[in-house]
PDBML (XML) file of the C-alpha atoms, coordinates in Angstrom:
<?xml version="1.0" encoding="UTF-8" ?>
<PDBx:datablock datablockName="MODEL"
   xmlns:PDBx="http://pdbml.pdb.org/schema/pdbx-v50.xsd"
   xmlns:xsi="http://www.w3.org/2001/XMLSchema-instance"
   xsi:schemaLocation="http://pdbml.pdb.org/schema/pdbx-v50.xsd pdbx-v50.xsd">
   <PDBx:atom_siteCategory>
      <PDBx:atom_site id="1">
         <PDBx:B_iso_or_equiv>0.00</PDBx:B_iso_or_equiv>
         <PDBx:Cartn_x>3.034</PDBx:Cartn_x>
         <PDBx:Cartn_y>1.135</PDBx:Cartn_y>
         <PDBx:Cartn_z>-11.241</PDBx:Cartn_z>
         <PDBx:auth_asym_id>A</PDBx:auth_asym_id>
         <PDBx:auth_atom_id>CA</PDBx:auth_atom_id>
         <PDBx:auth_comp_id>UNK</PDBx:auth_comp_id>
         <PDBx:auth_seq_id>1</PDBx:auth_seq_id>
         <PDBx:group_PDB>ATOM</PDBx:group_PDB>
         <PDBx:label_alt_id xsi:nil="true" />
         <PDBx:label_asym_id>A</PDBx:label_asym_id>
         <PDBx:label_atom_id>CA</PDBx:label_atom_id>
         <PDBx:label_comp_id>UNK</PDBx:label_comp_id>
         <PDBx:label_entity_id>1</PDBx:label_entity_id>
         <PDBx:label_seq_id>1</PDBx:label_seq_id>
         <PDBx:occupancy>1.00</PDBx:occupancy>
         <PDBx:pdbx_PDB_model_num>1</PDBx:pdbx_PDB_model_num>
         <PDBx:type_symbol>C</PDBx:type_symbol>
      </PDBx:atom_site>
      <PDBx:atom_site id="2">
         <PDBx:B_iso_or_equiv>0.00</PDBx:B_iso_or_equiv>
         <PDBx:Cartn_x>0.302</PDBx:Cartn_x>
         <PDBx:Cartn_y>3.138</PDBx:Cartn_y>
         <PDBx:Cartn_z>-12.979</PDBx:Cartn_z>
         <PDBx:auth_asym_id>A</PDBx:auth_asym_id>
         <PDBx:auth_atom_id>CA</PDBx:auth_atom_id>
         <PDBx:auth_comp_id>UNK</PDBx:auth_comp_id>
         <PDBx:auth_seq_id>2</PDBx:auth_seq_id>
         <PDBx:group_PDB>ATOM</PDBx:group_PDB>
         <PDBx:label_alt_id xsi:nil="true" />
         <PDBx:label_asym_id>A</PDBx:label_asym_id>
         <PDBx:label_atom_id>CA</PDBx:label_atom_id>
         <PDBx:label_comp_id>UNK</PDBx:label_comp_id>
         <PDBx:label_entity_id>1</PDBx:label_entity_id>
         <PDBx:label_seq_id>2</PDBx:label_seq_id>
         <PDBx:occupancy>1.00</PDBx:occupancy>
         <PDBx:pdbx_PDB_model_num>1</PDBx:pdbx_PDB_model_num>
         <PDBx:type_symbol>C</PDBx:type_symbol>
      </PDBx:atom_site>
      <PDBx:atom_site id="3">
         <PDBx:B_iso_or_equiv>0.00</PDBx:B_iso_or_equiv>
         <PDBx:Cartn_x>1.036</PDBx:Cartn_x>
         <PDBx:Cartn_y>1.118</PDBx:Cartn_y>
         <PDBx:Cartn_z>-16.124</PDBx:Cartn_z>
         <PDBx:auth_asym_id>A</PDBx:auth_asym_id>
         <PDBx:auth_atom_id>CA</PDBx:auth_atom_id>
         <PDBx:auth_comp_id>UNK</PDBx:auth_comp_id>
         <PDBx:auth_seq_id>3</PDBx:auth_seq_id>
         <PDBx:group_PDB>ATOM</PDBx:group_PDB>
         <PDBx:label_alt_id xsi:nil="true" />
         <PDBx:label_asym_id>A</PDBx:label_asym_id>
         <PDBx:label_atom_id>CA</PDBx:label_atom_id>
         <PDBx:label_comp_id>UNK</PDBx:label_comp_id>
         <PDBx:label_entity_id>1</PDBx:label_entity_id>
         <PDBx:label_seq_id>3</PDBx:label_seq_id>
         <PDBx:occupancy>1.00</PDBx:occupancy>
         <PDBx:pdbx_PDB_model_num>1</PDBx:pdbx_PDB_model_num>
         <PDBx:type_symbol>C</PDBx:type_symbol>
      </PDBx:atom_site>
      <PDBx:atom_site id="4">
         <PDBx:B_iso_or_equiv>0.00</PDBx:B_iso_or_equiv>
         <PDBx:Cartn_x>0.845</PDBx:Cartn_x>
         <PDBx:Cartn_y>-2.131</PDBx:Cartn_y>
         <PDBx:Cartn_z>-14.131</PDBx:Cartn_z>
         <PDBx:auth_asym_id>A</PDBx:auth_asym_id>
         <PDBx:auth_atom_id>CA</PDBx:auth_atom_id>
         <PDBx:auth_comp_id>UNK</PDBx:auth_comp_id>
         <PDBx:auth_seq_id>4</PDBx:auth_seq_id>
         <PDBx:group_PDB>ATOM</PDBx:group_PDB>
         <PDBx:label_alt_id xsi:nil="true" />
         <PDBx:label_asym_id>A</PDBx:label_asym_id>
         <PDBx:label_atom_id>CA</PDBx:label_atom_id>
         <PDBx:label_comp_id>UNK</PDBx:label_comp_id>
         <PDBx:label_entity_id>1</PDBx:label_entity_id>
         <PDBx:label_seq_id>4</PDBx:label_seq_id>
         <PDBx:occupancy>1.00</PDBx:occupancy>
         <PDBx:pdbx_PDB_model_num>1</PDBx:pdbx_PDB_model_num>
         <PDBx:type_symbol>C</PDBx:type_symbol>
      </PDBx:atom_site>
      <PDBx:atom_site id="5">
         <PDBx:B_iso_or_equiv>0.00</PDBx:B_iso_or_equiv>
         <PDBx:Cartn_x>-2.533</PDBx:Cartn_x>
         <PDBx:Cartn_y>-1.039</PDBx:Cartn_y>
         <PDBx:Cartn_z>-12.730</PDBx:Cartn_z>
         <PDBx:auth_asym_id>A</PDBx:auth_asym_id>
         <PDBx:auth_atom_id>CA</PDBx:auth_atom_id>
         <PDBx:auth_comp_id>UNK</PDBx:auth_comp_id>
         <PDBx:auth_seq_id>5</PDBx:auth_seq_id>
         <PDBx:group_PDB>ATOM</PDBx:group_PDB>
         <PDBx:label_alt_id xsi:nil="true" />
         <PDBx:label_asym_id>A</PDBx:label_asym_id>
         <PDBx:label_atom_id>CA</PDBx:label_atom_id>
         <PDBx:label_comp_id>UNK</PDBx:label_comp_id>
         <PDBx:label_entity_id>1</PDBx:label_entity_id>
         <PDBx:label_seq_id>5</PDBx:label_seq_id>
         <PDBx:occupancy>1.00</PDBx:occupancy>
         <PDBx:pdbx_PDB_model_num>1</PDBx:pdbx_PDB_model_num>
         <PDBx:type_symbol>C</PDBx:type_symbol>
      </PDBx:atom_site>
      <PDBx:atom_site id="6">
         <PDBx:B_iso_or_equiv>0.00</PDBx:B_iso_or_equiv>
         <PDBx:Cartn_x>-4.093</PDBx:Cartn_x>
         <PDBx:Cartn_y>-0.605</PDBx:Cartn_y>
         <PDBx:Cartn_z>-16.187</PDBx:Cartn_z>
         <PDBx:auth_asym_id>A</PDBx:auth_asym_id>
         <PDBx:auth_atom_id>CA</PDBx:auth_atom_id>
         <PDBx:auth_comp_id>UNK</PDBx:auth_comp_id>
         <PDBx:auth_seq_id>6</PDBx:auth_seq_id>
         <PDBx:group_PDB>ATOM</PDBx:group_PDB>
         <PDBx:label_alt_id xsi:nil="true" />
         <PDBx:label_asym_id>A</PDBx:label_asym_id>
         <PDBx:label_atom_id>CA</PDBx:label_atom_id>
         <PDBx:label_comp_id>UNK</PDBx:label_comp_id>
         <PDBx:label_entity_id>1</PDBx:label_entity_id>
         <PDBx:label_seq_id>6</PDBx:label_seq_id>
         <PDBx:occupancy>1.00</PDBx:occupancy>
         <PDBx:pdbx_PDB_model_num>1</PDBx:pdbx_PDB_model_num>
         <PDBx:type_symbol>C</PDBx:type_symbol>
      </PDBx:atom_site>
      <PDBx:atom_site id="7">
         <PDBx:B_iso_or_equiv>0.00</PDBx:B_iso_or_equiv>
         <PDBx:Cartn_x>-5.628</PDBx:Cartn_x>
         <PDBx:Cartn_y>-4.122</PDBx:Cartn_y>
         <PDBx:Cartn_z>-16.089</PDBx:Cartn_z>
         <PDBx:auth_asym_id>A</PDBx:auth_asym_id>
         <PDBx:auth_atom_id>CA</PDBx:auth_atom_id>
         <PDBx:auth_comp_id>UNK</PDBx:auth_comp_id>
         <PDBx:auth_seq_id>7</PDBx:auth_seq_id>
         <PDBx:group_PDB>ATOM</PDBx:group_PDB>
         <PDBx:label_alt_id xsi:nil="true" />
         <PDBx:label_asym_id>A</PDBx:label_asym_id>
         <PDBx:label_atom_id>CA</PDBx:label_atom_id>
         <PDBx:label_comp_id>UNK</PDBx:label_comp_id>
         <PDBx:label_entity_id>1</PDBx:label_entity_id>
         <PDBx:label_seq_id>7</PDBx:label_seq_id>
         <PDBx:occupancy>1.00</PDBx:occupancy>
         <PDBx:pdbx_PDB_model_num>1</PDBx:pdbx_PDB_model_num>
         <PDBx:type_symbol>C</PDBx:type_symbol>
      </PDBx:atom_site>
      <PDBx:atom_site id="8">
         <PDBx:B_iso_or_equiv>0.00</PDBx:B_iso_or_equiv>
         <PDBx:Cartn_x>-7.487</PDBx:Cartn_x>
         <PDBx:Cartn_y>-3.218</PDBx:Cartn_y>
         <PDBx:Cartn_z>-12.883</PDBx:Cartn_z>
         <PDBx:auth_asym_id>A</PDBx:auth_asym_id>
         <PDBx:auth_atom_id>CA</PDBx:auth_atom_id>
         <PDBx:auth_comp_id>UNK</PDBx:auth_comp_id>
         <PDBx:auth_seq_id>8</PDBx:auth_seq_id>
         <PDBx:group_PDB>ATOM</PDBx:group_PDB>
         <PDBx:label_alt_id xsi:nil="true" />
         <PDBx:label_asym_id>A</PDBx:label_asym_id>
         <PDBx:label_atom_id>CA</PDBx:label_atom_id>
         <PDBx:label_comp_id>UNK</PDBx:label_comp_id>
         <PDBx:label_entity_id>1</PDBx:label_entity_id>
         <PDBx:label_seq_id>8</PDBx:label_seq_id>
         <PDBx:occupancy>1.00</PDBx:occupancy>
         <PDBx:pdbx_PDB_model_num>1</PDBx:pdbx_PDB_model_num>
         <PDBx:type_symbol>C</PDBx:type_symbol>
      </PDBx:atom_site>
      <PDBx:atom_site id="9">
         <PDBx:B_iso_or_equiv>0.00</PDBx:B_iso_or_equiv>
         <PDBx:Cartn_x>-8.765</PDBx:Cartn_x>
         <PDBx:Cartn_y>0.080</PDBx:Cartn_y>
         <PDBx:Cartn_z>-14.302</PDBx:Cartn_z>
         <PDBx:auth_asym_id>A</PDBx:auth_asym_id>
         <PDBx:auth_atom_id>CA</PDBx:auth_atom_id>
         <PDBx:auth_comp_id>UNK</PDBx:auth_comp_id>
         <PDBx:auth_seq_id>9</PDBx:auth_seq_id>
         <PDBx:group_PDB>ATOM</PDBx:group_PDB>
         <PDBx:label_alt_id xsi:nil="true" />
         <PDBx:label_asym_id>A</PDBx:label_asym_id>
         <PDBx:label_atom_id>CA</PDBx:label_atom_id>
         <PDBx:label_comp_id>UNK</PDBx:label_comp_id>
         <PDBx:label_entity_id>1</PDBx:label_entity_id>
         <PDBx:label_seq_id>9</PDBx:label_seq_id>
         <PDBx:occupancy>1.00</PDBx:occupancy>
         <PDBx:pdbx_PDB_model_num>1</PDBx:pdbx_PDB_model_num>
         <PDBx:type_symbol>C</PDBx:type_symbol>
      </PDBx:atom_site>
      <PDBx:atom_site id="10">
         <PDBx:B_iso_or_equiv>0.00</PDBx:B_iso_or_equiv>
         <PDBx:Cartn_x>-10.016</PDBx:Cartn_x>
         <PDBx:Cartn_y>-1.663</PDBx:Cartn_y>
         <PDBx:Cartn_z>-17.427</PDBx:Cartn_z>
         <PDBx:auth_asym_id>A</PDBx:auth_asym_id>
         <PDBx:auth_atom_id>CA</PDBx:auth_atom_id>
         <PDBx:auth_comp_id>UNK</PDBx:auth_comp_id>
         <PDBx:auth_seq_id>10</PDBx:auth_seq_id>
         <PDBx:group_PDB>ATOM</PDBx:group_PDB>
         <PDBx:label_alt_id xsi:nil="true" />
         <PDBx:label_asym_id>A</PDBx:label_asym_id>
         <PDBx:label_atom_id>CA</PDBx:label_atom_id>
         <PDBx:label_comp_id>UNK</PDBx:label_comp_id>
         <PDBx:label_entity_id>1</PDBx:label_entity_id>
         <PDBx:label_seq_id>10</PDBx:label_seq_id>
         <PDBx:occupancy>1.00</PDBx:occupancy>
         <PDBx:pdbx_PDB_model_num>1</PDBx:pdbx_PDB_model_num>
         <PDBx:type_symbol>C</PDBx:type_symbol>
      </PDBx:atom_site>
      <PDBx:atom_site id="11">
         <PDBx:B_iso_or_equiv>0.00</PDBx:B_iso_or_equiv>
         <PDBx:Cartn_x>-11.793</PDBx:Cartn_x>
         <PDBx:Cartn_y>-4.335</PDBx:Cartn_y>
         <PDBx:Cartn_z>-15.415</PDBx:Cartn_z>
         <PDBx:auth_asym_id>A</PDBx:auth_asym_id>
         <PDBx:auth_atom_id>CA</PDBx:auth_atom_id>
         <PDBx:auth_comp_id>UNK</PDBx:auth_comp_id>
         <PDBx:auth_seq_id>11</PDBx:auth_seq_id>
         <PDBx:group_PDB>ATOM</PDBx:group_PDB>
         <PDBx:label_alt_id xsi:nil="true" />
         <PDBx:label_asym_id>A</PDBx:label_asym_id>
         <PDBx:label_atom_id>CA</PDBx:label_atom_id>
         <PDBx:label_comp_id>UNK</PDBx:label_comp_id>
         <PDBx:label_entity_id>1</PDBx:label_entity_id>
         <PDBx:label_seq_id>11</PDBx:label_seq_id>
         <PDBx:occupancy>1.00</PDBx:occupancy>
         <PDBx:pdbx_PDB_model_num>1</PDBx:pdbx_PDB_model_num>
         <PDBx:type_symbol>C</PDBx:type_symbol>
      </PDBx:atom_site>
      <PDBx:atom_site id="12">
         <PDBx:B_iso_or_equiv>0.00</PDBx:B_iso_or_equiv>
         <PDBx:Cartn_x>-13.564</PDBx:Cartn_x>
         <PDBx:Cartn_y>-1.667</PDBx:Cartn_y>
         <PDBx:Cartn_z>-13.357</PDBx:Cartn_z>
         <PDBx:auth_asym_id>A</PDBx:auth_asym_id>
         <PDBx:auth_atom_id>CA</PDBx:auth_atom_id>
         <PDBx:auth_comp_id>UNK</PDBx:auth_comp_id>
         <PDBx:auth_seq_id>12</PDBx:auth_seq_id>
         <PDBx:group_PDB>ATOM</PDBx:group_PDB>
         <PDBx:label_alt_id xsi:nil="true" />
         <PDBx:label_asym_id>A</PDBx:label_asym_id>
         <PDBx:label_atom_id>CA</PDBx:label_atom_id>
         <PDBx:label_comp_id>UNK</PDBx:label_comp_id>
         <PDBx:label_entity_id>1</PDBx:label_entity_id>
         <PDBx:label_seq_id>12</PDBx:label_seq_id>
         <PDBx:occupancy>1.00</PDBx:occupancy>
         <PDBx:pdbx_PDB_model_num>1</PDBx:pdbx_PDB_model_num>
         <PDBx:type_symbol>C</PDBx:type_symbol>
      </PDBx:atom_site>
      <PDBx:atom_site id="13">
         <PDBx:B_iso_or_equiv>0.00</PDBx:B_iso_or_equiv>
         <PDBx:Cartn_x>-14.547</PDBx:Cartn_x>
         <PDBx:Cartn_y>-0.003</PDBx:Cartn_y>
         <PDBx:Cartn_z>-16.634</PDBx:Cartn_z>
         <PDBx:auth_asym_id>A</PDBx:auth_asym_id>
         <PDBx:auth_atom_id>CA</PDBx:auth_atom_id>
         <PDBx:auth_comp_id>UNK</PDBx:auth_comp_id>
         <PDBx:auth_seq_id>13</PDBx:auth_seq_id>
         <PDBx:group_PDB>ATOM</PDBx:group_PDB>
         <PDBx:label_alt_id xsi:nil="true" />
         <PDBx:label_asym_id>A</PDBx:label_asym_id>
         <PDBx:label_atom_id>CA</PDBx:label_atom_id>
         <PDBx:label_comp_id>UNK</PDBx:label_comp_id>
         <PDBx:label_entity_id>1</PDBx:label_entity_id>
         <PDBx:label_seq_id>13</PDBx:label_seq_id>
         <PDBx:occupancy>1.00</PDBx:occupancy>
         <PDBx:pdbx_PDB_model_num>1</PDBx:pdbx_PDB_model_num>
         <PDBx:type_symbol>C</PDBx:type_symbol>
      </PDBx:atom_site>
      <PDBx:atom_site id="14">
         <PDBx:B_iso_or_equiv>0.00</PDBx:B_iso_or_equiv>
         <PDBx:Cartn_x>-15.983</PDBx:Cartn_x>
         <PDBx:Cartn_y>-3.281</PDBx:Cartn_y>
         <PDBx:Cartn_z>-17.876</PDBx:Cartn_z>
         <PDBx:auth_asym_id>A</PDBx:auth_asym_id>
         <PDBx:auth_atom_id>CA</PDBx:auth_atom_id>
         <PDBx:auth_comp_id>UNK</PDBx:auth_comp_id>
         <PDBx:auth_seq_id>14</PDBx:auth_seq_id>
         <PDBx:group_PDB>ATOM</PDBx:group_PDB>
         <PDBx:label_alt_id xsi:nil="true" />
         <PDBx:label_asym_id>A</PDBx:label_asym_id>
         <PDBx:label_atom_id>CA</PDBx:label_atom_id>
         <PDBx:label_comp_id>UNK</PDBx:label_comp_id>
         <PDBx:label_entity_id>1</PDBx:label_entity_id>
         <PDBx:label_seq_id>14</PDBx:label_seq_id>
         <PDBx:occupancy>1.00</PDBx:occupancy>
         <PDBx:pdbx_PDB_model_num>1</PDBx:pdbx_PDB_model_num>
         <PDBx:type_symbol>C</PDBx:type_symbol>
      </PDBx:atom_site>
      <PDBx:atom_site id="15">
         <PDBx:B_iso_or_equiv>0.00</PDBx:B_iso_or_equiv>
         <PDBx:Cartn_x>-17.881</PDBx:Cartn_x>
         <PDBx:Cartn_y>-4.085</PDBx:Cartn_y>
         <PDBx:Cartn_z>-14.678</PDBx:Cartn_z>
         <PDBx:auth_asym_id>A</PDBx:auth_asym_id>
         <PDBx:auth_atom_id>CA</PDBx:auth_atom_id>
         <PDBx:auth_comp_id>UNK</PDBx:auth_comp_id>
         <PDBx:auth_seq_id>15</PDBx:auth_seq_id>
         <PDBx:group_PDB>ATOM</PDBx:group_PDB>
         <PDBx:label_alt_id xsi:nil="true" />
         <PDBx:label_asym_id>A</PDBx:label_asym_id>
         <PDBx:label_atom_id>CA</PDBx:label_atom_id>
         <PDBx:label_comp_id>UNK</PDBx:label_comp_id>
         <PDBx:label_entity_id>1</PDBx:label_entity_id>
         <PDBx:label_seq_id>15</PDBx:label_seq_id>
         <PDBx:occupancy>1.00</PDBx:occupancy>
         <PDBx:pdbx_PDB_model_num>1</PDBx:pdbx_PDB_model_num>
         <PDBx:type_symbol>C</PDBx:type_symbol>
      </PDBx:atom_site>
      <PDBx:atom_site id="16">
         <PDBx:B_iso_or_equiv>0.00</PDBx:B_iso_or_equiv>
         <PDBx:Cartn_x>-19.273</PDBx:Cartn_x>
         <PDBx:Cartn_y>-0.582</PDBx:Cartn_y>
         <PDBx:Cartn_z>-14.133</PDBx:Cartn_z>
         <PDBx:auth_asym_id>A</PDBx:auth_asym_id>
         <PDBx:auth_atom_id>CA</PDBx:auth_atom_id>
         <PDBx:auth_comp_id>UNK</PDBx:auth_comp_id>
         <PDBx:auth_seq_id>16</PDBx:auth_seq_id>
         <PDBx:group_PDB>ATOM</PDBx:group_PDB>
         <PDBx:label_alt_id xsi:nil="true" />
         <PDBx:label_asym_id>A</PDBx:label_asym_id>
         <PDBx:label_atom_id>CA</PDBx:label_atom_id>
         <PDBx:label_comp_id>UNK</PDBx:label_comp_id>
         <PDBx:label_entity_id>1</PDBx:label_entity_id>
         <PDBx:label_seq_id>16</PDBx:label_seq_id>
         <PDBx:occupancy>1.00</PDBx:occupancy>
         <PDBx:pdbx_PDB_model_num>1</PDBx:pdbx_PDB_model_num>
         <PDBx:type_symbol>C</PDBx:type_symbol>
      </PDBx:atom_site>
      <PDBx:atom_site id="17">
         <PDBx:B_iso_or_equiv>0.00</PDBx:B_iso_or_equiv>
         <PDBx:Cartn_x>-19.321</PDBx:Cartn_x>
         <PDBx:Cartn_y>0.905</PDBx:Cartn_y>
         <PDBx:Cartn_z>-17.626</PDBx:Cartn_z>
         <PDBx:auth_asym_id>A</PDBx:auth_asym_id>
         <PDBx:auth_atom_id>CA</PDBx:auth_atom_id>
         <PDBx:auth_comp_id>UNK</PDBx:auth_comp_id>
         <PDBx:auth_seq_id>17</PDBx:auth_seq_id>
         <PDBx:group_PDB>ATOM</PDBx:group_PDB>
         <PDBx:label_alt_id xsi:nil="true" />
         <PDBx:label_asym_id>A</PDBx:label_asym_id>
         <PDBx:label_atom_id>CA</PDBx:label_atom_id>
         <PDBx:label_comp_id>UNK</PDBx:label_comp_id>
         <PDBx:label_entity_id>1</PDBx:label_entity_id>
         <PDBx:label_seq_id>17</PDBx:label_seq_id>
         <PDBx:occupancy>1.00</PDBx:occupancy>
         <PDBx:pdbx_PDB_model_num>1</PDBx:pdbx_PDB_model_num>
         <PDBx:type_symbol>C</PDBx:type_symbol>
      </PDBx:atom_site>
      <PDBx:atom_site id="18">
         <PDBx:B_iso_or_equiv>0.00</PDBx:B_iso_or_equiv>
         <PDBx:Cartn_x>-21.475</PDBx:Cartn_x>
         <PDBx:Cartn_y>4.007</PDBx:Cartn_y>
         <PDBx:Cartn_z>-17.667</PDBx:Cartn_z>
         <PDBx:auth_asym_id>A</PDBx:auth_asym_id>
         <PDBx:auth_atom_id>CA</PDBx:auth_atom_id>
         <PDBx:auth_comp_id>UNK</PDBx:auth_comp_id>
         <PDBx:auth_seq_id>18</PDBx:auth_seq_id>
         <PDBx:group_PDB>ATOM</PDBx:group_PDB>
         <PDBx:label_alt_id xsi:nil="true" />
         <PDBx:label_asym_id>A</PDBx:label_asym_id>
         <PDBx:label_atom_id>CA</PDBx:label_atom_id>
         <PDBx:label_comp_id>UNK</PDBx:label_comp_id>
         <PDBx:label_entity_id>1</PDBx:label_entity_id>
         <PDBx:label_seq_id>18</PDBx:label_seq_id>
         <PDBx:occupancy>1.00</PDBx:occupancy>
         <PDBx:pdbx_PDB_model_num>1</PDBx:pdbx_PDB_model_num>
         <PDBx:type_symbol>C</PDBx:type_symbol>
      </PDBx:atom_site>
      <PDBx:atom_site id="19">
         <PDBx:B_iso_or_equiv>0.00</PDBx:B_iso_or_equiv>
         <PDBx:Cartn_x>-21.686</PDBx:Cartn_x>
         <PDBx:Cartn_y>4.234</PDBx:Cartn_y>
         <PDBx:Cartn_z>-13.878</PDBx:Cartn_z>
         <PDBx:auth_asym_id>A</PDBx:auth_asym_id>
         <PDBx:auth_atom_id>CA</PDBx:auth_atom_id>
         <PDBx:auth_comp_id>UNK</PDBx:auth_comp_id>
         <PDBx:auth_seq_id>19</PDBx:auth_seq_id>
         <PDBx:group_PDB>ATOM</PDBx:group_PDB>
         <PDBx:label_alt_id xsi:nil="true" />
         <PDBx:label_asym_id>A</PDBx:label_asym_id>
         <PDBx:label_atom_id>CA</PDBx:label_atom_id>
         <PDBx:label_comp_id>UNK</PDBx:label_comp_id>
         <PDBx:label_entity_id>1</PDBx:label_entity_id>
         <PDBx:label_seq_id>19</PDBx:label_seq_id>
         <PDBx:occupancy>1.00</PDBx:occupancy>
         <PDBx:pdbx_PDB_model_num>1</PDBx:pdbx_PDB_model_num>
         <PDBx:type_symbol>C</PDBx:type_symbol>
      </PDBx:atom_site>
      <PDBx:atom_site id="20">
         <PDBx:B_iso_or_equiv>0.00</PDBx:B_iso_or_equiv>
         <PDBx:Cartn_x>-18.146</PDBx:Cartn_x>
         <PDBx:Cartn_y>5.540</PDBx:Cartn_y>
         <PDBx:Cartn_z>-13.290</PDBx:Cartn_z>
         <PDBx:auth_asym_id>A</PDBx:auth_asym_id>
         <PDBx:auth_atom_id>CA</PDBx:auth_atom_id>
         <PDBx:auth_comp_id>UNK</PDBx:auth_comp_id>
         <PDBx:auth_seq_id>20</PDBx:auth_seq_id>
         <PDBx:group_PDB>ATOM</PDBx:group_PDB>
         <PDBx:label_alt_id xsi:nil="true" />
         <PDBx:label_asym_id>A</PDBx:label_asym_id>
         <PDBx:label_atom_id>CA</PDBx:label_atom_id>
         <PDBx:label_comp_id>UNK</PDBx:label_comp_id>
         <PDBx:label_entity_id>1</PDBx:label_entity_id>
         <PDBx:label_seq_id>20</PDBx:label_seq_id>
         <PDBx:occupancy>1.00</PDBx:occupancy>
         <PDBx:pdbx_PDB_model_num>1</PDBx:pdbx_PDB_model_num>
         <PDBx:type_symbol>C</PDBx:type_symbol>
      </PDBx:atom_site>
      <PDBx:atom_site id="21">
         <PDBx:B_iso_or_equiv>0.00</PDBx:B_iso_or_equiv>
         <PDBx:Cartn_x>-16.262</PDBx:Cartn_x>
         <PDBx:Cartn_y>8.441</PDBx:Cartn_y>
         <PDBx:Cartn_z>-14.813</PDBx:Cartn_z>
         <PDBx:auth_asym_id>A</PDBx:auth_asym_id>
         <PDBx:auth_atom_id>CA</PDBx:auth_atom_id>
         <PDBx:auth_comp_id>UNK</PDBx:auth_comp_id>
         <PDBx:auth_seq_id>21</PDBx:auth_seq_id>
         <PDBx:group_PDB>ATOM</PDBx:group_PDB>
         <PDBx:label_alt_id xsi:nil="true" />
         <PDBx:label_asym_id>A</PDBx:label_asym_id>
         <PDBx:label_atom_id>CA</PDBx:label_atom_id>
         <PDBx:label_comp_id>UNK</PDBx:label_comp_id>
         <PDBx:label_entity_id>1</PDBx:label_entity_id>
         <PDBx:label_seq_id>21</PDBx:label_seq_id>
         <PDBx:occupancy>1.00</PDBx:occupancy>
         <PDBx:pdbx_PDB_model_num>1</PDBx:pdbx_PDB_model_num>
         <PDBx:type_symbol>C</PDBx:type_symbol>
      </PDBx:atom_site>
      <PDBx:atom_site id="22">
         <PDBx:B_iso_or_equiv>0.00</PDBx:B_iso_or_equiv>
         <PDBx:Cartn_x>-12.477</PDBx:Cartn_x>
         <PDBx:Cartn_y>8.773</PDBx:Cartn_y>
         <PDBx:Cartn_z>-14.746</PDBx:Cartn_z>
         <PDBx:auth_asym_id>A</PDBx:auth_asym_id>
         <PDBx:auth_atom_id>CA</PDBx:auth_atom_id>
         <PDBx:auth_comp_id>UNK</PDBx:auth_comp_id>
         <PDBx:auth_seq_id>22</PDBx:auth_seq_id>
         <PDBx:group_PDB>ATOM</PDBx:group_PDB>
         <PDBx:label_alt_id xsi:nil="true" />
         <PDBx:label_asym_id>A</PDBx:label_asym_id>
         <PDBx:label_atom_id>CA</PDBx:label_atom_id>
         <PDBx:label_comp_id>UNK</PDBx:label_comp_id>
         <PDBx:label_entity_id>1</PDBx:label_entity_id>
         <PDBx:label_seq_id>22</PDBx:label_seq_id>
         <PDBx:occupancy>1.00</PDBx:occupancy>
         <PDBx:pdbx_PDB_model_num>1</PDBx:pdbx_PDB_model_num>
         <PDBx:type_symbol>C</PDBx:type_symbol>
      </PDBx:atom_site>
      <PDBx:atom_site id="23">
         <PDBx:B_iso_or_equiv>0.00</PDBx:B_iso_or_equiv>
         <PDBx:Cartn_x>-10.672</PDBx:Cartn_x>
         <PDBx:Cartn_y>12.092</PDBx:Cartn_y>
         <PDBx:Cartn_z>-14.462</PDBx:Cartn_z>
         <PDBx:auth_asym_id>A</PDBx:auth_asym_id>
         <PDBx:auth_atom_id>CA</PDBx:auth_atom_id>
         <PDBx:auth_comp_id>UNK</PDBx:auth_comp_id>
         <PDBx:auth_seq_id>23</PDBx:auth_seq_id>
         <PDBx:group_PDB>ATOM</PDBx:group_PDB>
         <PDBx:label_alt_id xsi:nil="true" />
         <PDBx:label_asym_id>A</PDBx:label_asym_id>
         <PDBx:label_atom_id>CA</PDBx:label_atom_id>
         <PDBx:label_comp_id>UNK</PDBx:label_comp_id>
         <PDBx:label_entity_id>1</PDBx:label_entity_id>
         <PDBx:label_seq_id>23</PDBx:label_seq_id>
         <PDBx:occupancy>1.00</PDBx:occupancy>
         <PDBx:pdbx_PDB_model_num>1</PDBx:pdbx_PDB_model_num>
         <PDBx:type_symbol>C</PDBx:type_symbol>
      </PDBx:atom_site>
      <PDBx:atom_site id="24">
         <PDBx:B_iso_or_equiv>0.00</PDBx:B_iso_or_equiv>
         <PDBx:Cartn_x>-6.921</PDBx:Cartn_x>
         <PDBx:Cartn_y>11.547</PDBx:Cartn_y>
         <PDBx:Cartn_z>-14.960</PDBx:Cartn_z>
         <PDBx:auth_asym_id>A</PDBx:auth_asym_id>
         <PDBx:auth_atom_id>CA</PDBx:auth_atom_id>
         <PDBx:auth_comp_id>UNK</PDBx:auth_comp_id>
         <PDBx:auth_seq_id>24</PDBx:auth_seq_id>
         <PDBx:group_PDB>ATOM</PDBx:group_PDB>
         <PDBx:label_alt_id xsi:nil="true" />
         <PDBx:label_asym_id>A</PDBx:label_asym_id>
         <PDBx:label_atom_id>CA</PDBx:label_atom_id>
         <PDBx:label_comp_id>UNK</PDBx:label_comp_id>
         <PDBx:label_entity_id>1</PDBx:label_entity_id>
         <PDBx:label_seq_id>24</PDBx:label_seq_id>
         <PDBx:occupancy>1.00</PDBx:occupancy>
         <PDBx:pdbx_PDB_model_num>1</PDBx:pdbx_PDB_model_num>
         <PDBx:type_symbol>C</PDBx:type_symbol>
      </PDBx:atom_site>
   </PDBx:atom_siteCategory>
</PDBx:datablock>
């Protein structure tokens, strides 16, 4: 499920690049 959610994470990264920071 985490693997299947990778497209959503990448789109958020694209839309908000620089504004958001991920901490896995």
